Amino acid sequence: MPSLKAPGIDGYVATFFQRYWHIVGQEISRYCLDLLNGQKEFADINKTRIALIPKINNPKNMTHFRPISLCNVIYKITAKVLVN
């Protein structure tokens, strides 16, 4: 997961979790496992913002933008576990 890519709706980028894993890692791991085992709801973390990044200078229509989703890091961790 890229360290400084767009933050999620919570405002945190992956660097925060990487740097402070010794503090938050156990709680994040437990939370992700609870999600995967159906003990927590995905609705709590499944909030995403869509940002439009211009592909060219002075964009004039929607085809001149690239959409990116700003998912929070816990969602990304859980999704990667499911994919792998």
PDB file of N, CA and C in Angstrom:
ATOM      1  N   MET A   1       0.848  -1.164   0.000  1.00  0.00           N
ATOM      2  CA  MET A   1       0.000   0.000   0.000  1.00  0.00           C
ATOM      3  C   MET A   1       0.900   1.235   0.000  1.00  0.00           C
ATOM      4  N   PRO A   2       0.747   2.106  -0.959  1.00  0.00           N
ATOM      5  CA  PRO A   2       1.586   3.306  -1.003  1.00  0.00           C
ATOM      6  C   PRO A   2       1.431   4.154   0.257  1.00  0.00           C
ATOM      7  N   SER A   3       2.535   4.596   0.814  1.00  0.00           N
ATOM      8  CA  SER A   3       2.539   5.282   2.107  1.00  0.00           C
ATOM      9  C   SER A   3       1.849   6.628   2.119  1.00  0.00           C
ATOM     10  N   LEU A   4       2.016   7.406   1.071  1.00  0.00           N
ATOM     11  CA  LEU A   4       1.513   8.782   1.084  1.00  0.00           C
ATOM     12  C   LEU A   4       0.440   9.047   0.042  1.00  0.00           C
ATOM     13  N   LYS A   5      -0.201   7.994  -0.448  1.00  0.00           N
ATOM     14  CA  LYS A   5      -1.292   8.209  -1.405  1.00  0.00           C
ATOM     15  C   LYS A   5      -2.443   8.900  -0.699  1.00  0.00           C
ATOM     16  N   ALA A   6      -3.488   9.181  -1.424  1.00  0.00           N
ATOM     17  CA  ALA A   6      -4.628   9.938  -0.910  1.00  0.00           C
ATOM     18  C   ALA A   6      -5.163   9.342   0.391  1.00  0.00           C
ATOM     19  N   PRO A   7      -5.439  10.199   1.369  1.00  0.00           N
ATOM     20  CA  PRO A   7      -5.979   9.710   2.636  1.00  0.00           C
ATOM     21  C   PRO A   7      -7.426   9.273   2.491  1.00  0.00           C
ATOM     22  N   GLY A   8      -7.866   8.482   3.423  1.00  0.00           N
ATOM     23  CA  GLY A   8      -9.260   8.066   3.440  1.00  0.00           C
ATOM     24  C   GLY A   8     -10.140   9.135   4.051  1.00  0.00           C
ATOM     25  N   ILE A   9     -11.385   8.801   4.232  1.00  0.00           N
ATOM     26  CA  ILE A   9     -12.338   9.742   4.794  1.00  0.00           C
ATOM     27  C   ILE A   9     -11.944  10.131   6.218  1.00  0.00           C
ATOM     28  N   ASP A  10     -11.174   9.271   6.886  1.00  0.00           N
ATOM     29  CA  ASP A  10     -10.716   9.567   8.252  1.00  0.00           C
ATOM     30  C   ASP A  10      -9.499  10.491   8.273  1.00  0.00           C
ATOM     31  N   GLY A  11      -8.907  10.759   7.111  1.00  0.00           N
ATOM     32  CA  GLY A  11      -7.782  11.680   7.022  1.00  0.00           C
ATOM     33  C   GLY A  11      -6.413  11.057   7.211  1.00  0.00           C
ATOM     34  N   TYR A  12      -6.357   9.765   7.503  1.00  0.00           N
ATOM     35  CA  TYR A  12      -5.072   9.108   7.738  1.00  0.00           C
ATOM     36  C   TYR A  12      -4.549   8.439   6.476  1.00  0.00           C
ATOM     37  N   VAL A  13      -3.259   8.590   6.235  1.00  0.00           N
ATOM     38  CA  VAL A  13      -2.594   7.878   5.141  1.00  0.00           C
ATOM     39  C   VAL A  13      -1.912   6.648   5.724  1.00  0.00           C
ATOM     40  N   ALA A  14      -1.468   5.743   4.867  1.00  0.00           N
ATOM     41  CA  ALA A  14      -0.866   4.492   5.325  1.00  0.00           C
ATOM     42  C   ALA A  14       0.371   4.723   6.183  1.00  0.00           C
ATOM     43  N   THR A  15       1.101   5.807   5.961  1.00  0.00           N
ATOM     44  CA  THR A  15       2.303   6.092   6.746  1.00  0.00           C
ATOM     45  C   THR A  15       2.005   6.147   8.238  1.00  0.00           C
ATOM     46  N   PHE A  16       0.871   6.731   8.603  1.00  0.00           N
ATOM     47  CA  PHE A  16       0.508   6.808  10.012  1.00  0.00           C
ATOM     48  C   PHE A  16       0.466   5.412  10.626  1.00  0.00           C
ATOM     49  N   PHE A  17      -0.225   4.486   9.938  1.00  0.00           N
ATOM     50  CA  PHE A  17      -0.357   3.132  10.465  1.00  0.00           C
ATOM     51  C   PHE A  17       0.979   2.401  10.454  1.00  0.00           C
ATOM     52  N   GLN A  18       1.793   2.634   9.427  1.00  0.00           N
ATOM     53  CA  GLN A  18       3.112   2.003   9.369  1.00  0.00           C
ATOM     54  C   GLN A  18       4.020   2.515  10.481  1.00  0.00           C
ATOM     55  N   ARG A  19       4.024   3.798  10.703  1.00  0.00           N
ATOM     56  CA  ARG A  19       4.902   4.403  11.701  1.00  0.00           C
ATOM     57  C   ARG A  19       4.491   4.039  13.129  1.00  0.00           C
ATOM     58  N   TYR A  20       3.192   3.970  13.372  1.00  0.00           N
ATOM     59  CA  TYR A  20       2.705   3.725  14.729  1.00  0.00           C
ATOM     60  C   TYR A  20       2.104   2.331  14.906  1.00  0.00           C
ATOM     61  N   TRP A  21       2.530   1.389  14.043  1.00  0.00           N
ATOM     62  CA  TRP A  21       1.997   0.024  14.121  1.00  0.00           C
ATOM     63  C   TRP A  21       2.232  -0.591  15.495  1.00  0.00           C
ATOM     64  N   HIS A  22       3.337  -0.260  16.113  1.00  0.00           N
ATOM     65  CA  HIS A  22       3.626  -0.807  17.444  1.00  0.00           C
ATOM     66  C   HIS A  22       2.582  -0.359  18.471  1.00  0.00           C
ATOM     67  N   ILE A  23       1.870   0.702  18.201  1.00  0.00           N
ATOM     68  CA  ILE A  23       0.827   1.198  19.106  1.00  0.00           C
ATOM     69  C   ILE A  23      -0.555   0.715  18.655  1.00  0.00           C
ATOM     70  N   VAL A  24      -0.852   0.828  17.356  1.00  0.00           N
ATOM     71  CA  VAL A  24      -2.205   0.549  16.855  1.00  0.00           C
ATOM     72  C   VAL A  24      -2.358  -0.814  16.204  1.00  0.00           C
ATOM     73  N   GLY A  25      -1.263  -1.503  15.941  1.00  0.00           N
ATOM     74  CA  GLY A  25      -1.299  -2.735  15.160  1.00  0.00           C
ATOM     75  C   GLY A  25      -2.191  -3.822  15.716  1.00  0.00           C
ATOM     76  N   GLN A  26      -2.101  -4.067  17.007  1.00  0.00           N
ATOM     77  CA  GLN A  26      -2.904  -5.137  17.597  1.00  0.00           C
ATOM     78  C   GLN A  26      -4.398  -4.829  17.500  1.00  0.00           C
ATOM     79  N   GLU A  27      -4.760  -3.584  17.745  1.00  0.00           N
ATOM     80  CA  GLU A  27      -6.169  -3.198  17.674  1.00  0.00           C
ATOM     81  C   GLU A  27      -6.690  -3.232  16.236  1.00  0.00           C
ATOM     82  N   ILE A  28      -5.872  -2.777  15.291  1.00  0.00           N
ATOM     83  CA  ILE A  28      -6.262  -2.805  13.869  1.00  0.00           C
ATOM     84  C   ILE A  28      -6.415  -4.249  13.408  1.00  0.00           C
ATOM     85  N   SER A  29      -5.476  -5.098  13.772  1.00  0.00           N
ATOM     86  CA  SER A  29      -5.551  -6.518  13.388  1.00  0.00           C
ATOM     87  C   SER A  29      -6.817  -7.161  13.940  1.00  0.00           C
ATOM     88  N   ARG A  30      -7.118  -6.899  15.198  1.00  0.00           N
ATOM     89  CA  ARG A  30      -8.314  -7.456  15.833  1.00  0.00           C
ATOM     90  C   ARG A  30      -9.577  -6.948  15.130  1.00  0.00           C
ATOM     91  N   TYR A  31      -9.602  -5.673  14.804  1.00  0.00           N
ATOM     92  CA  TYR A  31     -10.758  -5.086  14.129  1.00  0.00           C
ATOM     93  C   TYR A  31     -10.961  -5.734  12.754  1.00  0.00           C
ATOM     94  N   CYS A  32      -9.875  -5.878  11.995  1.00  0.00           N
ATOM     95  CA  CYS A  32      -9.965  -6.497  10.663  1.00  0.00           C
ATOM     96  C   CYS A  32     -10.442  -7.939  10.764  1.00  0.00           C
ATOM     97  N   LEU A  33      -9.928  -8.692  11.738  1.00  0.00           N
ATOM     98  CA  LEU A  33     -10.376 -10.071  11.932  1.00  0.00           C
ATOM     99  C   LEU A  33     -11.851 -10.125  12.310  1.00  0.00           C
ATOM    100  N   ASP A  34     -12.300  -9.202  13.145  1.00  0.00           N
ATOM    101  CA  ASP A  34     -13.723  -9.145  13.496  1.00  0.00           C
ATOM    102  C   ASP A  34     -14.580  -8.863  12.265  1.00  0.00           C
ATOM    103  N   LEU A  35     -14.106  -7.985  11.381  1.00  0.00           N
ATOM    104  CA  LEU A  35     -14.828  -7.722  10.128  1.00  0.00           C
ATOM    105  C   LEU A  35     -14.930  -8.984   9.290  1.00  0.00           C
ATOM    106  N   LEU A  36     -13.798  -9.661   9.130  1.00  0.00           N
ATOM    107  CA  LEU A  36     -13.756 -10.845   8.277  1.00  0.00           C
ATOM    108  C   LEU A  36     -14.551 -12.011   8.864  1.00  0.00           C
ATOM    109  N   ASN A  37     -14.676 -12.057  10.184  1.00  0.00           N
ATOM    110  CA  ASN A  37     -15.425 -13.128  10.846  1.00  0.00           C
ATOM    111  C   ASN A  37     -16.887 -12.763  11.083  1.00  0.00           C
ATOM    112  N   GLY A  38     -17.321 -11.613  10.542  1.00  0.00           N
ATOM    113  CA  GLY A  38     -18.719 -11.221  10.639  1.00  0.00           C
ATOM    114  C   GLY A  38     -19.139 -10.686  11.995  1.00  0.00           C
ATOM    115  N   GLN A  39     -18.188 -10.328  12.833  1.00  0.00           N
ATOM    116  CA  GLN A  39     -18.513  -9.811  14.160  1.00  0.00           C
ATOM    117  C   GLN A  39     -18.653  -8.287  14.171  1.00  0.00           C
ATOM    118  N   LYS A  40     -18.225  -7.631  13.116  1.00  0.00           N
ATOM    119  CA  LYS A  40     -18.381  -6.182  12.962  1.00  0.00           C
ATOM    120  C   LYS A  40     -18.983  -5.934  11.590  1.00  0.00           C
ATOM    121  N   GLU A  41     -19.627  -4.783  11.444  1.00  0.00           N
ATOM    122  CA  GLU A  41     -20.263  -4.404  10.190  1.00  0.00           C
ATOM    123  C   GLU A  41     -19.298  -3.628   9.295  1.00  0.00           C
ATOM    124  N   PHE A  42     -19.310  -3.923   8.008  1.00  0.00           N
ATOM    125  CA  PHE A  42     -18.489  -3.177   7.057  1.00  0.00           C
ATOM    126  C   PHE A  42     -18.973  -1.740   6.904  1.00  0.00           C
ATOM    127  N   ALA A  43     -20.225  -1.480   7.255  1.00  0.00           N
ATOM    128  CA  ALA A  43     -20.763  -0.122   7.111  1.00  0.00           C
ATOM    129  C   ALA A  43     -19.935   0.891   7.897  1.00  0.00           C
ATOM    130  N   ASP A  44     -19.316   0.445   8.980  1.00  0.00           N
ATOM    131  CA  ASP A  44     -18.510   1.351   9.793  1.00  0.00           C
ATOM    132  C   ASP A  44     -17.284   1.885   9.051  1.00  0.00           C
ATOM    133  N   ILE A  45     -16.734   1.091   8.148  1.00  0.00           N
ATOM    134  CA  ILE A  45     -15.511   1.507   7.439  1.00  0.00           C
ATOM    135  C   ILE A  45     -15.719   1.693   5.947  1.00  0.00           C
ATOM    136  N   ASN A  46     -16.899   1.405   5.462  1.00  0.00           N
ATOM    137  CA  ASN A  46     -17.156   1.408   4.021  1.00  0.00           C
ATOM    138  C   ASN A  46     -17.610   2.778   3.524  1.00  0.00           C
ATOM    139  N   LYS A  47     -16.993   3.823   4.022  1.00  0.00           N
ATOM    140  CA  LYS A  47     -17.289   5.176   3.559  1.00  0.00           C
ATOM    141  C   LYS A  47     -16.142   5.624   2.670  1.00  0.00           C
ATOM    142  N   THR A  48     -16.466   6.073   1.493  1.00  0.00           N
ATOM    143  CA  THR A  48     -15.457   6.449   0.509  1.00  0.00           C
ATOM    144  C   THR A  48     -15.824   7.783  -0.119  1.00  0.00           C
ATOM    145  N   ARG A  49     -14.838   8.591  -0.339  1.00  0.00           N
ATOM    146  CA  ARG A  49     -15.038   9.822  -1.105  1.00  0.00           C
ATOM    147  C   ARG A  49     -14.406   9.622  -2.468  1.00  0.00           C
ATOM    148  N   ILE A  50     -15.001  10.213  -3.455  1.00  0.00           N
ATOM    149  CA  ILE A  50     -14.457  10.171  -4.812  1.00  0.00           C
ATOM    150  C   ILE A  50     -13.882  11.552  -5.115  1.00  0.00           C
ATOM    151  N   ALA A  51     -12.643  11.571  -5.578  1.00  0.00           N
ATOM    152  CA  ALA A  51     -11.997  12.821  -5.981  1.00  0.00           C
ATOM    153  C   ALA A  51     -11.703  12.749  -7.475  1.00  0.00           C
ATOM    154  N   LEU A  52     -11.836  13.856  -8.135  1.00  0.00           N
ATOM    155  CA  LEU A  52     -11.534  13.924  -9.567  1.00  0.00           C
ATOM    156  C   LEU A  52     -10.205  14.633  -9.756  1.00  0.00           C
ATOM    157  N   ILE A  53      -9.269  13.949 -10.387  1.00  0.00           N
ATOM    158  CA  ILE A  53      -7.941  14.488 -10.648  1.00  0.00           C
ATOM    159  C   ILE A  53      -7.874  14.881 -12.121  1.00  0.00           C
ATOM    160  N   PRO A  54      -7.534  16.131 -12.429  1.00  0.00           N
ATOM    161  CA  PRO A  54      -7.472  16.530 -13.844  1.00  0.00           C
ATOM    162  C   PRO A  54      -6.337  15.813 -14.579  1.00  0.00           C
ATOM    163  N   LYS A  55      -6.640  15.334 -15.775  1.00  0.00           N
ATOM    164  CA  LYS A  55      -5.633  14.693 -16.625  1.00  0.00           C
ATOM    165  C   LYS A  55      -4.856  15.725 -17.441  1.00  0.00           C
ATOM    166  N   ILE A  56      -5.485  16.862 -17.706  1.00  0.00           N
ATOM    167  CA  ILE A  56      -4.883  17.908 -18.540  1.00  0.00           C
ATOM    168  C   ILE A  56      -5.066  19.261 -17.851  1.00  0.00           C
ATOM    169  N   ASN A  57      -4.338  20.254 -18.318  1.00  0.00           N
ATOM    170  CA  ASN A  57      -4.550  21.618 -17.837  1.00  0.00           C
ATOM    171  C   ASN A  57      -5.876  22.136 -18.382  1.00  0.00           C
ATOM    172  N   ASN A  58      -6.583  22.884 -17.590  1.00  0.00           N
ATOM    173  CA  ASN A  58      -7.864  23.482 -17.982  1.00  0.00           C
ATOM    174  C   ASN A  58      -8.878  22.454 -18.492  1.00  0.00           C
ATOM    175  N   PRO A  59      -9.225  21.471 -17.688  1.00  0.00           N
ATOM    176  CA  PRO A  59     -10.210  20.479 -18.132  1.00  0.00           C
ATOM    177  C   PRO A  59     -11.569  21.128 -18.373  1.00  0.00           C
ATOM    178  N   LYS A  60     -12.258  20.641 -19.389  1.00  0.00           N
ATOM    179  CA  LYS A  60     -13.543  21.234 -19.754  1.00  0.00           C
ATOM    180  C   LYS A  60     -14.712  20.260 -19.635  1.00  0.00           C
ATOM    181  N   ASN A  61     -14.450  18.954 -19.671  1.00  0.00           N
ATOM    182  CA  ASN A  61     -15.539  17.996 -19.491  1.00  0.00           C
ATOM    183  C   ASN A  61     -15.051  16.809 -18.653  1.00  0.00           C
ATOM    184  N   MET A  62     -15.979  15.931 -18.307  1.00  0.00           N
ATOM    185  CA  MET A  62     -15.672  14.846 -17.379  1.00  0.00           C
ATOM    186  C   MET A  62     -14.607  13.869 -17.901  1.00  0.00           C
ATOM    187  N   THR A  63     -14.456  13.748 -19.204  1.00  0.00           N
ATOM    188  CA  THR A  63     -13.444  12.832 -19.733  1.00  0.00           C
ATOM    189  C   THR A  63     -12.024  13.340 -19.475  1.00  0.00           C
ATOM    190  N   HIS A  64     -11.904  14.586 -19.061  1.00  0.00           N
ATOM    191  CA  HIS A  64     -10.595  15.169 -18.761  1.00  0.00           C
ATOM    192  C   HIS A  64     -10.165  14.932 -17.319  1.00  0.00           C
ATOM    193  N   PHE A  65     -10.966  14.154 -16.570  1.00  0.00           N
ATOM    194  CA  PHE A  65     -10.662  13.862 -15.178  1.00  0.00           C
ATOM    195  C   PHE A  65     -10.477  12.368 -14.961  1.00  0.00           C
ATOM    196  N   ARG A  66      -9.662  12.045 -13.974  1.00  0.00           N
ATOM    197  CA  ARG A  66      -9.489  10.657 -13.547  1.00  0.00           C
ATOM    198  C   ARG A  66     -10.041  10.555 -12.133  1.00  0.00           C
ATOM    199  N   PRO A  67     -11.033   9.684 -11.904  1.00  0.00           N
ATOM    200  CA  PRO A  67     -11.570   9.552 -10.548  1.00  0.00           C
ATOM    201  C   PRO A  67     -10.676   8.645  -9.690  1.00  0.00           C
ATOM    202  N   ILE A  68     -10.531   9.005  -8.441  1.00  0.00           N
ATOM    203  CA  ILE A  68      -9.863   8.122  -7.484  1.00  0.00           C
ATOM    204  C   ILE A  68     -10.771   8.013  -6.261  1.00  0.00           C
ATOM    205  N   SER A  69     -10.722   6.861  -5.616  1.00  0.00           N
ATOM    206  CA  SER A  69     -11.529   6.698  -4.405  1.00  0.00           C
ATOM    207  C   SER A  69     -10.626   6.833  -3.193  1.00  0.00           C
ATOM    208  N   LEU A  70     -11.116   7.532  -2.195  1.00  0.00           N
ATOM    209  CA  LEU A  70     -10.376   7.768  -0.967  1.00  0.00           C
ATOM    210  C   LEU A  70     -10.954   6.867   0.122  1.00  0.00           C
ATOM    211  N   CYS A  71     -10.504   5.613   0.111  1.00  0.00           N
ATOM    212  CA  CYS A  71     -10.957   4.632   1.101  1.00  0.00           C
ATOM    213  C   CYS A  71     -10.055   4.717   2.319  1.00  0.00           C
ATOM    214  N   ASN A  72     -10.602   4.371   3.485  1.00  0.00           N
ATOM    215  CA  ASN A  72      -9.726   4.411   4.640  1.00  0.00           C
ATOM    216  C   ASN A  72      -8.821   3.178   4.672  1.00  0.00           C
ATOM    217  N   VAL A  73      -7.754   3.259   5.427  1.00  0.00           N
ATOM    218  CA  VAL A  73      -6.703   2.235   5.429  1.00  0.00           C
ATOM    219  C   VAL A  73      -7.222   0.902   5.961  1.00  0.00           C
ATOM    220  N   ILE A  74      -8.088   0.920   6.963  1.00  0.00           N
ATOM    221  CA  ILE A  74      -8.614  -0.340   7.498  1.00  0.00           C
ATOM    222  C   ILE A  74      -9.407  -1.077   6.419  1.00  0.00           C
ATOM    223  N   TYR A  75     -10.171  -0.339   5.634  1.00  0.00           N
ATOM    224  CA  TYR A  75     -10.901  -0.948   4.518  1.00  0.00           C
ATOM    225  C   TYR A  75      -9.921  -1.572   3.524  1.00  0.00           C
ATOM    226  N   LYS A  76      -8.843  -0.842   3.204  1.00  0.00           N
ATOM    227  CA  LYS A  76      -7.856  -1.340   2.245  1.00  0.00           C
ATOM    228  C   LYS A  76      -7.170  -2.597   2.764  1.00  0.00           C
ATOM    229  N   ILE A  77      -6.828  -2.621   4.058  1.00  0.00           N
ATOM    230  CA  ILE A  77      -6.192  -3.812   4.641  1.00  0.00           C
ATOM    231  C   ILE A  77      -7.130  -5.011   4.510  1.00  0.00           C
ATOM    232  N   THR A  78      -8.379  -4.819   4.903  1.00  0.00           N
ATOM    233  CA  THR A  78      -9.349  -5.913   4.856  1.00  0.00           C
ATOM    234  C   THR A  78      -9.581  -6.389   3.434  1.00  0.00           C
ATOM    235  N   ALA A  79      -9.691  -5.466   2.483  1.00  0.00           N
ATOM    236  CA  ALA A  79      -9.893  -5.837   1.086  1.00  0.00           C
ATOM    237  C   ALA A  79      -8.706  -6.627   0.550  1.00  0.00           C
ATOM    238  N   LYS A  80      -7.484  -6.228   0.917  1.00  0.00           N
ATOM    239  CA  LYS A  80      -6.296  -6.950   0.443  1.00  0.00           C
ATOM    240  C   LYS A  80      -6.242  -8.358   1.019  1.00  0.00           C
ATOM    241  N   VAL A  81      -6.655  -8.508   2.258  1.00  0.00           N
ATOM    242  CA  VAL A  81      -6.719  -9.861   2.858  1.00  0.00           C
ATOM    243  C   VAL A  81      -7.704 -10.721   2.088  1.00  0.00           C
ATOM    244  N   LEU A  82      -8.859 -10.181   1.759  1.00  0.00           N
ATOM    245  CA  LEU A  82      -9.853 -10.943   0.989  1.00  0.00           C
ATOM    246  C   LEU A  82      -9.325 -11.320  -0.385  1.00  0.00           C
ATOM    247  N   VAL A  83      -8.650 -10.396  -1.047  1.00  0.00           N
ATOM    248  CA  VAL A  83      -8.133 -10.659  -2.394  1.00  0.00           C
ATOM    249  C   VAL A  83      -7.043 -11.729  -2.358  1.00  0.00           C
ATOM    250  N   ASN A  84      -6.172 -11.642  -1.371  1.00  0.00           N
ATOM    251  CA  ASN A  84      -5.076 -12.602  -1.285  1.00  0.00           C
ATOM    252  C   ASN A  84      -5.544 -13.945  -0.751  1.00  0.00           C
TER     253      ASN A  84
END
